[in-house]
């Protein structure tokens, strides 16, 4: 595809250049990207949650699944400069019509990493409220602060009386503490380890995205939902999600929060593939709207 040289004017980064090329070639930029062959099998809608590389962050996972597995990767809001909804609930509501364009009826298979896992959980709620079946939500290592009774109560009490910055800062510290205590017990608790836990900046993530999502996640208080959830835990203790979802399996994956979709991809895919195959080829779903 030939594009005019003027496409470079005003595009100083790859992120700014990509949508310009897409529009010139007649393919508008979209938050959805399809991996694998589409057929009769329902796709896995996966909110990748990656603020830096988007769909590319799923490369290892997709390679292990192979071309016969139909995966639709969904980028976070704002990755291509579009507006960012102010809450997890509104992010899910904004993506819902795009999902229903690609699959009009259930059963639905949903998944997500970190912030994307929260959006996937809320999307499951919206689908079930609309009368659709959701067979599975695969949540890859989101923070579980908002699912724990005590931190959840603290957040609920703080929301109406403190600034968004203060609420976000408190949430981030609680999430760091969660990761700290989830670390292997073989690591001794030292001042240096505590310092590294609370001082490592997120230099790779654009500040506008980090601020918006950190605020949305700090506001999020998920209501209980009867849907089958598999929580793939790396740095966060997935057992806490049992407070909002009784149908919960927790699988430990290696690689830590940053690398669980690369280093931990083999274990994750080995566990997830038979579950997807069983849901697609097995008995009818029991995960109906309650």
Protein backbone atom coordinates (compact mmCIF):
# COMPACT_ATOMS: atom_id res chain seq x y z
CA UNK A 1 0.00 0.00 0.00
CA UNK A 2 1.43 3.36 -1.05
CA UNK A 3 0.79 6.27 1.30
CA UNK A 4 1.62 9.98 0.77
CA UNK A 5 4.74 11.37 2.41
CA UNK A 6 2.61 14.03 4.07
CA UNK A 7 1.27 11.33 6.39
CA UNK A 8 4.38 11.93 8.52
CA UNK A 9 3.49 15.55 9.26
CA UNK A 10 2.35 15.91 12.84
CA UNK A 11 2.97 12.24 13.61
CA UNK A 12 5.99 12.17 15.90
CA UNK A 13 5.52 8.70 17.35
CA UNK A 14 4.61 5.23 16.09
CA UNK A 15 1.34 5.43 18.07
CA UNK A 16 0.38 8.66 16.25
CA UNK A 17 1.45 7.28 12.88
CA UNK A 18 -0.42 3.93 13.01
CA UNK A 19 -4.00 5.28 12.81
CA UNK A 20 -2.99 7.63 9.96
CA UNK A 21 -1.69 4.68 7.95
CA UNK A 22 -4.81 2.66 8.76
CA UNK A 23 -7.10 5.43 7.53
CA UNK A 24 -5.04 5.89 4.32
CA UNK A 25 -5.26 2.17 3.49
CA UNK A 26 -9.01 2.12 4.06
CA UNK A 27 -8.80 0.11 7.28
CA UNK A 28 -9.89 2.29 10.21
CA UNK A 29 -8.06 1.78 13.48
CA UNK A 30 -9.99 -0.56 15.73
CA UNK A 31 -9.51 -1.75 19.32
CA UNK A 32 -10.25 -5.32 18.16
CA UNK A 33 -7.76 -7.64 16.47
CA UNK A 34 -8.52 -11.21 15.39
CA UNK A 35 -6.08 -14.04 15.93
CA UNK A 36 -6.74 -17.47 14.47
CA UNK A 37 -9.43 -18.72 12.14
CA UNK A 38 -13.03 -17.73 12.67
CA UNK A 39 -15.55 -20.52 12.27
CA UNK A 40 -18.37 -22.10 14.20
CA UNK A 41 -16.46 -21.95 17.47
CA UNK A 42 -17.24 -18.92 19.65
CA UNK A 43 -14.21 -16.65 20.03
CA UNK A 44 -12.39 -15.82 23.24
CA UNK A 45 -12.81 -12.07 23.74
CA UNK A 46 -9.62 -11.09 25.58
CA UNK A 47 -9.12 -7.58 27.00
CA UNK A 48 -5.31 -7.52 26.80
CA UNK A 49 -4.85 -4.61 29.24
CA UNK A 50 -1.47 -3.73 27.72
CA UNK A 51 -0.82 0.04 27.74
CA UNK A 52 2.45 -0.23 25.80
CA UNK A 53 2.19 -2.86 23.06
CA UNK A 54 -1.52 -3.67 22.96
CA UNK A 55 -2.29 -6.74 20.85
CA UNK A 56 1.41 -7.54 20.45
CA UNK A 57 1.62 -8.39 24.15
CA UNK A 58 -0.43 -11.53 23.43
CA UNK A 59 2.03 -12.91 20.87
CA UNK A 60 3.37 -15.80 22.96
CA UNK A 61 -0.07 -16.82 24.19
CA UNK A 62 -1.44 -16.81 20.62
CA UNK A 63 1.50 -18.85 19.32
CA UNK A 64 0.86 -21.55 21.93
CA UNK A 65 -2.86 -21.69 21.21
CA UNK A 66 -2.18 -22.17 17.50
CA UNK A 67 -4.13 -21.00 14.44
CA UNK A 68 -7.22 -23.09 15.19
CA UNK A 69 -8.08 -21.08 18.30
CA UNK A 70 -10.21 -18.01 17.61
CA UNK A 71 -9.13 -15.09 19.83
CA UNK A 72 -10.30 -11.49 19.59
CA UNK A 73 -7.85 -9.20 21.37
CA UNK A 74 -9.31 -5.94 22.71
CA UNK A 75 -7.02 -2.99 23.42
CA UNK A 76 -7.49 -0.69 26.43
CA UNK A 77 -9.32 2.57 25.85
CA UNK A 78 -6.96 5.44 25.03
CA UNK A 79 -4.23 3.34 23.43
CA UNK A 80 -4.90 5.05 20.09
CA UNK A 81 -5.80 8.42 21.51
CA UNK A 82 -9.55 7.87 21.89
CA UNK A 83 -11.37 9.07 25.00
CA UNK A 84 -11.11 6.97 28.16
CA UNK A 85 -14.33 6.26 30.09
CA UNK A 86 -14.02 7.26 33.77
CA UNK A 87 -14.94 3.87 35.25
CA UNK A 88 -14.52 0.13 34.69
CA UNK A 89 -18.30 -0.17 34.33
CA UNK A 90 -18.41 2.44 31.55
CA UNK A 91 -15.45 0.84 29.78
CA UNK A 92 -17.38 -2.44 29.69
CA UNK A 93 -20.55 -0.70 28.49
CA UNK A 94 -18.61 1.00 25.67
CA UNK A 95 -17.09 -2.28 24.44
CA UNK A 96 -20.32 -4.30 24.71
CA UNK A 97 -21.87 -3.21 21.37
CA UNK A 98 -18.62 -4.03 19.55
CA UNK A 99 -18.63 -7.52 21.07
CA UNK A 100 -22.26 -8.11 20.10
CA UNK A 101 -21.47 -7.01 16.54
CA UNK A 102 -19.06 -9.93 16.32
CA UNK A 103 -21.12 -12.46 18.28
CA UNK A 104 -24.84 -11.81 18.61
CA UNK A 105 -25.68 -14.51 21.15
CA UNK A 106 -24.05 -16.71 23.77
CA UNK A 107 -22.39 -18.63 25.12
CA UNK A 108 -19.63 -16.07 25.52
CA UNK A 109 -16.02 -16.71 26.49
CA UNK A 110 -14.31 -13.70 28.07
CA UNK A 111 -10.86 -13.02 29.47
CA UNK A 112 -8.49 -10.23 30.33
CA UNK A 113 -5.20 -9.22 31.89
CA UNK A 114 -4.99 -6.80 34.87
CA UNK A 115 -7.32 -3.84 34.16
CA UNK A 116 -8.67 -5.84 31.22
CA UNK A 117 -9.70 -8.66 33.55
CA UNK A 118 -11.87 -6.21 35.50
CA UNK A 119 -13.48 -4.95 32.28
CA UNK A 120 -14.08 -8.56 31.21
CA UNK A 121 -15.81 -9.31 34.53
CA UNK A 122 -18.10 -6.29 34.12
CA UNK A 123 -18.79 -7.20 30.49
CA UNK A 124 -19.93 -10.62 31.71
CA UNK A 125 -22.33 -8.87 34.07
CA UNK A 126 -23.80 -6.79 31.23
CA UNK A 127 -24.16 -9.81 28.94
CA UNK A 128 -25.93 -11.83 31.63
CA UNK A 129 -28.20 -8.91 32.48
CA UNK A 130 -29.19 -8.86 28.79
CA UNK A 131 -30.12 -12.54 28.95
CA UNK A 132 -26.98 -14.01 27.36
CA UNK A 133 -25.01 -16.99 28.65
CA UNK A 134 -21.40 -16.53 29.76
CA UNK A 135 -19.52 -19.80 30.01
CA UNK A 136 -16.24 -18.46 31.36
CA UNK A 137 -14.27 -15.42 32.47
CA UNK A 138 -10.48 -15.93 32.53
CA UNK A 139 -8.93 -13.24 34.75
CA UNK A 140 -5.15 -12.91 34.48
CA UNK A 141 -3.66 -11.37 37.64
CA UNK A 142 -5.77 -8.25 38.32
CA UNK A 143 -5.38 -6.61 41.75
CA UNK A 144 -7.93 -7.97 44.21
CA UNK A 145 -8.08 -4.97 46.56
CA UNK A 146 -11.67 -4.18 45.61
CA UNK A 147 -12.76 -7.76 46.34
CA UNK A 148 -11.33 -7.92 49.87
CA UNK A 149 -13.81 -6.92 52.60
CA UNK A 150 -11.53 -4.61 54.62
CA UNK A 151 -9.84 -2.68 51.75
CA UNK A 152 -13.19 -2.58 49.96
CA UNK A 153 -14.77 -0.92 53.00
CA UNK A 154 -11.90 1.57 53.24
CA UNK A 155 -12.31 2.52 49.58
CA UNK A 156 -16.09 2.86 49.90
CA UNK A 157 -15.68 5.17 52.92
CA UNK A 158 -12.99 7.27 51.23
CA UNK A 159 -14.73 7.76 47.85
CA UNK A 160 -17.15 10.53 48.91
CA UNK A 161 -14.72 12.48 51.11
CA UNK A 162 -11.24 12.45 49.55
CA UNK A 163 -9.80 13.70 46.29
CA UNK A 164 -9.43 11.32 43.33
CA UNK A 165 -5.65 11.62 43.68
CA UNK A 166 -5.73 10.56 47.34
CA UNK A 167 -8.04 7.62 46.59
CA UNK A 168 -5.86 6.51 43.70
CA UNK A 169 -2.68 6.78 45.78
CA UNK A 170 -4.23 4.72 48.60
CA UNK A 171 -5.37 2.05 46.16
CA UNK A 172 -1.94 1.83 44.54
CA UNK A 173 -0.23 1.37 47.93
CA UNK A 174 -2.67 -1.38 48.91
CA UNK A 175 -2.07 -3.12 45.57
CA UNK A 176 1.69 -2.93 46.14
CA UNK A 177 1.26 -4.42 49.61
CA UNK A 178 -0.79 -7.23 48.12
CA UNK A 179 2.02 -8.03 45.70
CA UNK A 180 4.58 -7.77 48.50
CA UNK A 181 2.86 -10.34 50.72
CA UNK A 182 2.05 -12.61 47.75
CA UNK A 183 5.78 -12.91 46.95
CA UNK A 184 7.47 -16.28 47.72
CA UNK A 185 8.13 -16.78 51.42
CA UNK A 186 11.73 -17.62 50.55
CA UNK A 187 12.34 -13.92 49.99
CA UNK A 188 13.19 -12.32 53.34
CA UNK A 189 11.35 -9.16 54.37
CA UNK A 190 14.02 -6.46 54.24
CA UNK A 191 14.10 -2.67 54.09
CA UNK A 192 15.50 -2.90 50.56
CA UNK A 193 12.65 -5.14 49.43
CA UNK A 194 10.07 -2.82 50.98
CA UNK A 195 11.72 0.17 49.31
CA UNK A 196 11.71 -1.49 45.87
CA UNK A 197 8.05 -2.46 46.31
CA UNK A 198 6.91 1.12 46.86
CA UNK A 199 9.38 3.09 44.74
CA UNK A 200 9.47 1.43 41.31
CA UNK A 201 7.86 3.89 38.84
CA UNK A 202 5.83 2.82 35.81
CA UNK A 203 8.05 4.60 33.32
CA UNK A 204 6.91 2.60 30.30
CA UNK A 205 3.21 3.49 30.60
CA UNK A 206 2.12 6.89 29.21
CA UNK A 207 1.09 9.04 32.21
CA UNK A 208 -2.31 9.89 30.71
CA UNK A 209 -3.19 6.19 30.54
CA UNK A 210 -1.72 5.32 33.93
CA UNK A 211 -3.59 8.15 35.67
CA UNK A 212 -6.94 7.37 34.01
CA UNK A 213 -6.85 3.63 34.63
CA UNK A 214 -5.42 3.89 38.12
CA UNK A 215 -8.32 6.17 39.01
CA UNK A 216 -10.91 3.88 37.37
CA UNK A 217 -9.54 0.80 39.16
CA UNK A 218 -9.46 2.58 42.52
CA UNK A 219 -13.17 3.43 42.12
CA UNK A 220 -14.17 -0.09 41.14
CA UNK A 221 -16.20 -2.10 43.67
CA UNK A 222 -17.40 -5.22 41.84
CA UNK A 223 -20.77 -6.59 42.89
CA UNK A 224 -21.13 -10.38 43.32
CA UNK A 225 -21.76 -12.26 40.10
CA UNK A 226 -22.59 -15.92 39.54
CA UNK A 227 -20.33 -16.72 36.60
CA UNK A 228 -17.53 -19.32 36.24
CA UNK A 229 -14.20 -17.52 36.77
CA UNK A 230 -10.67 -18.86 36.48
CA UNK A 231 -8.16 -16.55 38.12
CA UNK A 232 -4.58 -16.94 36.86
CA UNK A 233 -2.56 -15.58 39.76
CA UNK A 234 1.00 -14.27 39.40
CA UNK A 235 1.58 -11.38 41.81
CA UNK A 236 -1.98 -11.11 43.18
CA UNK A 237 -3.81 -13.56 45.43
CA UNK A 238 -6.75 -14.74 43.34
CA UNK A 239 -8.46 -16.43 46.29
CA UNK A 240 -9.75 -13.01 47.39
CA UNK A 241 -12.00 -12.90 44.31
CA UNK A 242 -14.12 -15.57 46.00
CA UNK A 243 -15.79 -12.74 47.93
CA UNK A 244 -17.52 -11.64 44.71
CA UNK A 245 -17.64 -14.91 42.76
CA UNK A 246 -18.33 -18.32 44.31
CA UNK A 247 -17.61 -20.20 41.05
CA UNK A 248 -13.87 -19.57 41.22
CA UNK A 249 -10.78 -21.60 40.31
CA UNK A 250 -7.33 -20.18 41.08
CA UNK A 251 -4.29 -21.26 39.05
CA UNK A 252 -0.80 -20.05 39.94
CA UNK A 253 1.29 -18.96 36.93
CA UNK A 254 4.98 -17.98 36.82
CA UNK A 255 6.54 -14.83 35.44
CA UNK A 256 5.13 -12.22 37.79
CA UNK A 257 2.53 -9.64 36.83
CA UNK A 258 4.56 -8.17 33.96
CA UNK A 259 5.56 -11.44 32.28
CA UNK A 260 2.80 -13.93 33.06
CA UNK A 261 1.59 -13.75 29.42
CA UNK A 262 5.10 -14.59 28.18
CA UNK A 263 7.04 -16.59 30.80
CA UNK A 264 3.82 -18.02 32.23
CA UNK A 265 2.04 -18.41 28.88
CA UNK A 266 2.70 -22.15 28.50
CA UNK A 267 1.12 -23.07 31.83
CA UNK A 268 -1.76 -20.67 31.27
CA UNK A 269 -2.52 -22.04 27.79
CA UNK A 270 -2.14 -25.67 28.92
CA UNK A 271 -4.84 -25.04 31.51
CA UNK A 272 -7.07 -22.76 29.47
CA UNK A 273 -7.18 -24.72 26.20
CA UNK A 274 -8.98 -27.84 27.52
CA UNK A 275 -11.45 -25.60 29.36
CA UNK A 276 -12.28 -23.74 26.15
CA UNK A 277 -12.47 -26.99 24.15
CA UNK A 278 -14.72 -28.53 26.80
CA UNK A 279 -17.06 -25.56 26.80
CA UNK A 280 -17.22 -25.41 23.01
CA UNK A 281 -17.59 -29.12 22.38
CA UNK A 282 -19.16 -30.31 25.61
CA UNK A 283 -22.54 -30.11 27.24
CA UNK A 284 -24.70 -26.98 27.05
CA UNK A 285 -23.71 -24.16 29.35
CA UNK A 286 -25.15 -23.93 32.84
CA UNK A 287 -23.99 -20.33 33.31
CA UNK A 288 -27.29 -18.70 32.49
CA UNK A 289 -28.64 -15.40 33.65
CA UNK A 290 -29.74 -15.96 37.28
